Amino acid sequence: MTQLTTSPAASAVRTLAEEGGHESLNAYAIGGGALAALLLLLWITTRLNRDR
């Protein structure tokens, strides 16, 4: 089978997926932080859009 040429980012993601991620990465903390950031952005957007 021939190996396709991939970008450095794709190879880094593949390496993390094969090794199960880094020990210091907590999926729940990352997901919770992302949710909090999106909710903050939603709140800011609704506060700045009062003219409608």
Protein backbone atom coordinates (compact mmCIF):
# COMPACT_ATOMS: atom_id res chain seq x y z
CA MET A 1 0.00 0.00 0.00
CA THR A 2 1.35 3.42 -0.86
CA GLN A 3 1.61 6.05 1.82
CA LEU A 4 0.07 9.43 1.05
CA THR A 5 1.96 12.63 1.73
CA THR A 6 0.30 14.48 4.61
CA SER A 7 0.78 17.82 6.28
CA PRO A 8 2.65 18.08 9.58
CA ALA A 9 -0.62 18.93 11.36
CA ALA A 10 -2.34 15.82 10.01
CA SER A 11 0.56 13.62 11.06
CA ALA A 12 0.52 15.17 14.56
CA VAL A 13 -3.22 14.48 14.90
CA ARG A 14 -2.69 10.92 13.68
CA THR A 15 0.11 10.40 16.21
CA LEU A 16 -2.06 11.69 19.06
CA ALA A 17 -4.95 9.49 17.95
CA GLU A 18 -2.76 6.39 17.79
CA GLU A 19 -1.16 7.02 21.18
CA GLY A 20 -4.42 7.91 22.91
CA GLY A 21 -3.55 11.57 23.44
CA HIS A 22 -1.29 13.20 25.95
CA GLU A 23 -1.74 12.38 29.61
CA SER A 24 -2.26 16.01 30.59
CA LEU A 25 -5.13 16.50 28.12
CA ASN A 26 -8.53 16.06 29.74
CA ALA A 27 -11.35 15.76 27.22
CA TYR A 28 -14.00 16.95 29.69
CA ALA A 29 -11.97 20.05 30.61
CA ILE A 30 -11.38 20.92 26.95
CA GLY A 31 -15.04 20.36 26.08
CA GLY A 32 -16.23 22.37 29.08
CA GLY A 33 -13.84 25.20 28.25
CA ALA A 34 -15.00 25.25 24.64
CA LEU A 35 -18.64 25.28 25.74
CA ALA A 36 -17.98 28.12 28.18
CA ALA A 37 -16.17 30.13 25.49
CA LEU A 38 -19.02 29.65 23.01
CA LEU A 39 -21.64 30.60 25.60
CA LEU A 40 -19.62 33.71 26.44
CA LEU A 41 -19.47 34.66 22.77
CA LEU A 42 -23.22 34.08 22.44
CA TRP A 43 -23.89 36.28 25.46
CA ILE A 44 -21.65 39.07 24.11
CA THR A 45 -23.35 38.87 20.71
CA THR A 46 -26.83 39.13 22.21
CA ARG A 47 -25.79 42.08 24.42
CA LEU A 48 -24.33 44.02 21.47
CA ASN A 49 -27.32 43.35 19.21
CA ARG A 50 -30.02 45.19 21.20
CA ASP A 51 -31.16 47.36 18.27
CA ARG A 52 -33.27 44.59 16.72
